[in-house]
Protein backbone atom coordinates (compact mmCIF):
# COMPACT_ATOMS: atom_id res chain seq x y z
CA UNK A 1 38.80 -72.93 11.98
CA UNK A 2 40.70 -75.68 13.42
CA UNK A 3 41.49 -79.28 12.73
CA UNK A 4 37.96 -80.38 13.36
CA UNK A 5 36.20 -77.76 11.19
CA UNK A 6 34.04 -78.79 8.46
CA UNK A 7 32.33 -77.35 5.38
CA UNK A 8 28.57 -78.09 4.80
CA UNK A 9 27.69 -79.55 1.46
CA UNK A 10 24.45 -78.30 -0.24
CA UNK A 11 22.68 -81.52 1.28
CA UNK A 12 23.66 -80.81 4.63
CA UNK A 13 26.36 -83.40 4.81
CA UNK A 14 29.49 -82.16 6.55
CA UNK A 15 32.99 -82.64 5.18
CA UNK A 16 36.31 -82.01 6.98
CA UNK A 17 38.22 -78.90 5.36
CA UNK A 18 41.24 -80.58 4.78
CA UNK A 19 41.42 -84.04 3.11
CA UNK A 20 44.41 -86.42 2.59
CA UNK A 21 45.08 -87.19 -1.09
CA UNK A 22 46.28 -90.61 -2.21
CA UNK A 23 47.08 -89.93 -6.05
CA UNK A 24 50.40 -91.64 -7.06
CA UNK A 25 50.36 -93.50 -3.66
CA UNK A 26 51.30 -96.77 -4.76
CA UNK A 27 49.15 -99.83 -3.70
CA UNK A 28 50.60 -101.83 -1.07
CA UNK A 29 52.53 -100.89 2.14
CA UNK A 30 53.27 -97.55 1.29
CA UNK A 31 49.63 -96.19 0.70
CA UNK A 32 48.46 -98.12 3.76
CA UNK A 33 50.87 -96.60 5.86
CA UNK A 34 50.44 -93.12 4.72
CA UNK A 35 46.55 -93.36 5.28
CA UNK A 36 47.25 -94.70 8.71
CA UNK A 37 49.52 -92.17 9.67
CA UNK A 38 47.26 -89.50 8.39
CA UNK A 39 44.52 -90.80 10.37
CA UNK A 40 46.60 -91.02 13.53
CA UNK A 41 47.63 -87.63 13.15
CA UNK A 42 43.92 -86.26 12.91
CA UNK A 43 43.03 -86.25 9.38
CA UNK A 44 39.20 -87.35 9.11
CA UNK A 45 39.04 -87.15 5.12
CA UNK A 46 40.77 -89.48 2.71
CA UNK A 47 40.51 -89.00 -1.00
CA UNK A 48 41.21 -91.95 -3.48
CA UNK A 49 39.99 -93.12 -7.00
CA UNK A 50 39.72 -96.21 -8.98
CA UNK A 51 42.16 -95.07 -11.37
CA UNK A 52 44.74 -94.65 -8.61
CA UNK A 53 44.99 -98.43 -8.24
CA UNK A 54 45.15 -98.22 -4.21
CA UNK A 55 41.70 -98.44 -3.07
CA UNK A 56 42.63 -101.91 -1.35
CA UNK A 57 45.49 -100.22 0.32
CA UNK A 58 43.50 -97.14 1.50
CA UNK A 59 40.83 -99.34 2.82
CA UNK A 60 43.56 -101.24 4.67
CA UNK A 61 45.03 -97.96 6.31
CA UNK A 62 41.68 -97.23 7.39
CA UNK A 63 40.96 -100.48 9.19
CA UNK A 64 44.76 -100.46 10.56
CA UNK A 65 44.23 -96.98 11.98
CA UNK A 66 41.55 -97.99 14.35
CA UNK A 67 39.48 -94.90 13.54
CA UNK A 68 35.90 -96.03 13.49
CA UNK A 69 34.62 -95.96 9.67
CA UNK A 70 31.73 -93.44 10.81
CA UNK A 71 34.33 -90.78 11.83
CA UNK A 72 36.13 -90.92 8.35
CA UNK A 73 34.97 -89.07 5.28
CA UNK A 74 35.95 -91.39 2.36
CA UNK A 75 35.88 -90.32 -1.13
CA UNK A 76 36.46 -92.35 -4.29
CA UNK A 77 36.02 -91.74 -8.06
CA UNK A 78 34.51 -93.27 -11.19
CA UNK A 79 37.13 -93.89 -13.96
CA UNK A 80 36.55 -93.25 -17.67
CA UNK A 81 36.09 -96.74 -18.83
CA UNK A 82 33.17 -97.21 -16.48
CA UNK A 83 31.00 -94.39 -17.88
CA UNK A 84 27.49 -95.37 -18.30
CA UNK A 85 24.52 -96.33 -16.15
CA UNK A 86 24.97 -100.02 -15.74
CA UNK A 87 28.87 -99.67 -15.84
CA UNK A 88 28.68 -96.97 -13.07
CA UNK A 89 26.55 -99.42 -10.83
CA UNK A 90 29.06 -102.27 -11.37
CA UNK A 91 32.25 -100.11 -10.59
CA UNK A 92 30.78 -98.78 -7.32
CA UNK A 93 30.38 -102.33 -6.12
CA UNK A 94 33.85 -102.91 -7.11
CA UNK A 95 35.22 -100.05 -5.43
CA UNK A 96 33.38 -100.90 -1.99
CA UNK A 97 34.44 -104.44 -2.26
CA UNK A 98 38.17 -103.24 -2.73
CA UNK A 99 37.94 -100.85 -0.06
CA UNK A 100 36.15 -103.44 2.37
CA UNK A 101 33.34 -100.85 3.20
CA UNK A 102 29.66 -100.54 2.90
CA UNK A 103 29.18 -96.87 1.64
CA UNK A 104 31.16 -93.94 0.37
CA UNK A 105 30.68 -90.37 1.67
CA UNK A 106 31.46 -89.10 -1.62
CA UNK A 107 31.67 -90.55 -4.88
CA UNK A 108 32.84 -88.33 -8.02
CA UNK A 109 32.86 -88.51 -11.81
CA UNK A 110 36.65 -88.36 -12.30
CA UNK A 111 36.72 -86.93 -15.57
CA UNK A 112 33.81 -85.74 -17.72
CA UNK A 113 34.52 -87.13 -21.38
CA UNK A 114 36.37 -90.48 -21.52
CA UNK A 115 38.11 -91.02 -25.13
CA UNK A 116 36.20 -94.02 -26.23
CA UNK A 117 32.91 -91.91 -25.67
CA UNK A 118 33.87 -88.68 -27.12
CA UNK A 119 31.38 -88.53 -29.78
CA UNK A 120 28.42 -89.33 -27.33
CA UNK A 121 29.87 -88.05 -24.17
CA UNK A 122 26.75 -86.19 -23.18
CA UNK A 123 24.80 -89.47 -23.35
CA UNK A 124 27.48 -91.32 -21.48
CA UNK A 125 27.70 -88.81 -18.71
CA UNK A 126 23.95 -88.49 -18.12
CA UNK A 127 23.96 -92.38 -17.81
CA UNK A 128 26.69 -92.18 -15.29
CA UNK A 129 25.03 -89.26 -13.34
CA UNK A 130 21.73 -90.97 -13.13
CA UNK A 131 23.42 -93.88 -11.84
CA UNK A 132 24.94 -91.94 -9.04
CA UNK A 133 21.77 -90.12 -8.35
CA UNK A 134 20.30 -93.85 -7.88
CA UNK A 135 23.42 -94.92 -5.58
CA UNK A 136 22.64 -91.57 -3.51
CA UNK A 137 19.00 -91.97 -3.10
CA UNK A 138 19.50 -95.96 -2.09
CA UNK A 139 21.80 -94.43 0.77
CA UNK A 140 24.87 -96.06 -0.55
CA UNK A 141 26.53 -92.64 -1.09
CA UNK A 142 26.19 -89.76 1.50
CA UNK A 143 27.11 -87.11 -1.38
CA UNK A 144 27.75 -87.17 -5.14
CA UNK A 145 29.92 -84.79 -7.62
CA UNK A 146 32.08 -84.34 -10.25
CA UNK A 147 35.80 -83.90 -10.82
CA UNK A 148 37.74 -81.77 -13.49
CA UNK A 149 34.20 -80.42 -14.97
CA UNK A 150 33.77 -77.14 -16.56
CA UNK A 151 30.54 -75.13 -16.54
CA UNK A 152 29.15 -76.61 -19.77
CA UNK A 153 29.64 -80.21 -18.35
CA UNK A 154 27.65 -79.43 -15.12
CA UNK A 155 24.90 -77.43 -16.97
CA UNK A 156 24.34 -80.58 -19.15
CA UNK A 157 23.93 -82.85 -15.79
CA UNK A 158 21.52 -80.35 -14.25
CA UNK A 159 19.51 -79.44 -17.17
CA UNK A 160 18.60 -83.06 -17.62
CA UNK A 161 18.14 -84.39 -14.21
CA UNK A 162 17.77 -81.32 -12.00
CA UNK A 163 20.40 -82.53 -9.55
CA UNK A 164 22.98 -80.28 -8.96
CA UNK A 165 26.56 -81.86 -8.05
CA UNK A 166 27.59 -81.23 -4.59
CA UNK A 167 31.29 -80.88 -5.38
CA UNK A 168 33.67 -80.22 -8.05
CA UNK A 169 37.06 -81.32 -7.49
CA UNK A 170 39.37 -79.41 -9.65
CA UNK A 171 43.10 -78.61 -9.99
CA UNK A 172 43.34 -75.42 -7.78
CA UNK A 173 46.69 -73.80 -6.71
CA UNK A 174 48.41 -70.23 -6.66
CA UNK A 175 48.59 -69.49 -10.45
CA UNK A 176 46.06 -71.64 -11.57
CA UNK A 177 42.61 -71.63 -9.66
CA UNK A 178 40.03 -71.32 -12.56
CA UNK A 179 38.11 -68.44 -11.17
CA UNK A 180 35.39 -68.78 -13.78
CA UNK A 181 34.62 -72.43 -12.69
CA UNK A 182 34.63 -71.61 -9.05
CA UNK A 183 32.20 -68.67 -9.62
CA UNK A 184 29.89 -70.98 -11.62
CA UNK A 185 29.95 -73.76 -8.99
CA UNK A 186 29.69 -71.35 -5.96
CA UNK A 187 26.50 -69.86 -7.67
CA UNK A 188 25.07 -73.51 -7.93
CA UNK A 189 26.10 -74.16 -4.20
CA UNK A 190 28.87 -76.64 -5.02
CA UNK A 191 31.89 -77.09 -2.74
CA UNK A 192 35.45 -76.97 -4.73
CA UNK A 193 37.92 -79.26 -3.68
CA UNK A 194 41.56 -78.67 -4.81
CA UNK A 195 43.66 -81.50 -6.31
CA UNK A 196 47.41 -80.73 -6.60
CA UNK A 197 47.21 -77.81 -4.04
CA UNK A 198 50.95 -77.35 -4.50
CA UNK A 199 51.07 -77.74 -8.37
CA UNK A 200 52.95 -80.99 -8.16
CA UNK A 201 55.73 -78.87 -6.44
CA UNK A 202 55.82 -76.06 -9.10
CA UNK A 203 54.88 -73.37 -6.54
CA UNK A 204 57.90 -73.90 -4.41
CA UNK A 205 59.90 -71.91 -7.02
CA UNK A 206 57.44 -68.64 -6.63
CA UNK A 207 59.38 -65.74 -5.05
CA UNK A 208 56.03 -64.39 -3.66
CA UNK A 209 55.36 -67.68 -1.85
CA UNK A 210 58.95 -67.80 -0.42
CA UNK A 211 58.53 -64.28 0.66
CA UNK A 212 55.29 -65.28 2.50
CA UNK A 213 56.94 -68.41 4.01
CA UNK A 214 59.73 -66.33 5.67
CA UNK A 215 57.02 -63.63 6.72
CA UNK A 216 54.72 -66.31 8.37
CA UNK A 217 57.31 -68.73 9.60
CA UNK A 218 55.54 -71.57 7.76
CA UNK A 219 56.30 -73.63 4.77
CA UNK A 220 55.31 -72.82 1.12
CA UNK A 221 53.08 -75.90 1.18
CA UNK A 222 51.39 -74.54 4.46
CA UNK A 223 50.97 -71.11 2.76
CA UNK A 224 49.29 -72.66 -0.18
CA UNK A 225 46.99 -74.84 2.17
CA UNK A 226 45.97 -72.08 4.07
CA UNK A 227 45.32 -69.81 1.09
CA UNK A 228 42.99 -72.45 -0.26
CA UNK A 229 41.26 -72.68 3.08
CA UNK A 230 40.66 -68.88 3.50
CA UNK A 231 39.20 -69.01 -0.08
CA UNK A 232 36.64 -71.52 1.23
CA UNK A 233 38.30 -74.41 -0.91
CA UNK A 234 38.68 -77.96 0.32
CA UNK A 235 42.47 -78.89 -0.24
CA UNK A 236 43.58 -82.44 -0.82
CA UNK A 237 47.49 -82.46 -0.12
CA UNK A 238 49.26 -85.73 -0.57
CA UNK A 239 52.46 -86.94 0.76
CA UNK A 240 53.68 -90.53 1.88
CA UNK A 241 56.32 -88.81 4.33
CA UNK A 242 55.08 -88.63 8.05
CA UNK A 243 56.78 -85.17 8.77
CA UNK A 244 55.07 -83.65 5.41
CA UNK A 245 51.62 -85.40 6.24
CA UNK A 246 51.96 -83.58 9.72
CA UNK A 247 53.08 -80.38 8.36
CA UNK A 248 50.30 -80.02 5.67
CA UNK A 249 47.66 -80.42 8.52
CA UNK A 250 49.22 -77.88 10.87
CA UNK A 251 47.81 -75.01 9.36
CA UNK A 252 45.36 -73.76 11.81
CA UNK A 253 47.55 -71.73 14.11
CA UNK A 254 47.97 -68.64 11.55
CA UNK A 255 46.09 -66.47 9.14
CA UNK A 256 47.04 -64.85 6.03
CA UNK A 257 46.14 -61.20 5.65
CA UNK A 258 43.70 -60.17 3.27
CA UNK A 259 46.34 -58.14 1.34
CA UNK A 260 48.69 -61.26 1.05
CA UNK A 261 45.61 -63.18 0.00
CA UNK A 262 44.95 -60.70 -2.81
CA UNK A 263 48.85 -60.96 -3.73
CA UNK A 264 48.54 -64.86 -4.24
CA UNK A 265 45.37 -64.18 -6.27
CA UNK A 266 47.12 -61.97 -8.39
CA UNK A 267 50.01 -64.13 -9.45
CA UNK A 268 50.57 -64.58 -13.03
CA UNK A 269 48.58 -67.38 -14.77
CA UNK A 270 50.74 -70.29 -14.88
CA UNK A 271 48.61 -72.90 -16.37
CA UNK A 272 47.62 -76.39 -15.45
CA UNK A 273 49.74 -79.30 -14.54
CA UNK A 274 47.05 -81.67 -15.54
CA UNK A 275 44.96 -82.41 -18.57
CA UNK A 276 42.30 -80.33 -20.41
CA UNK A 277 39.09 -81.88 -19.39
CA UNK A 278 37.71 -81.55 -23.03
CA UNK A 279 40.46 -83.32 -24.25
CA UNK A 280 41.77 -85.87 -21.73
CA UNK A 281 43.69 -88.57 -23.51
CA UNK A 282 43.70 -91.73 -21.41
CA UNK A 283 40.51 -93.76 -21.94
CA UNK A 284 41.50 -96.83 -19.73
């Protein structure tokens, strides 16, 4: 595995093994510069979302980098207020317009149950998924998937459309890696992506990771990202600092032993840093 390595999604589309996350990167020069820097350093997978409010800047960073659009795997996500068939189609058009691109490589349902549709989330989610299937069949998205979904959300989609999401992007880091969700998705051939791969900094206080950092002469962030890669997961580390952007990508010159992987796996459950997908509180 090296910086050019990819995973292959269930439909044959290849996705770079590390993505560059842009959550909490403010729209404007900060996000544009971070995306440009990441692409110049070799990242070829950029992840954003309508809710991040920075799609314009992500698109600007892509353009400023000079890297051809066809060489970059670009992901965005549908926000909660846009659930439903017609709403999804309109929201997708706006995302493309903001990013100034003609297609996405991956489009995800950001959260399965928006607050304002809680009583009829199954109908709402199904309408959204059918719209994404249409966009995929029309060639406007190369792959479609979900984010923050548990087995019962995915089962509902598959049961009613027979189309299995190609990706599930979930919170995944040492101490919280949702094995039951991962196992379910793997059985369906879905790729797992890891948001918050360093638990928003919480992992930096774990004694085991400090010990492994010293053993492998790598930062704790690099240990986390390498652990995720060795488990077949697609991590999405985020930073706006060039040195850290580079550091998070420099994880291909070492391998964590099987024994140490098992030790990280066995860390006590620390809980999520984000929200419960069945009780997500933000509607707009």
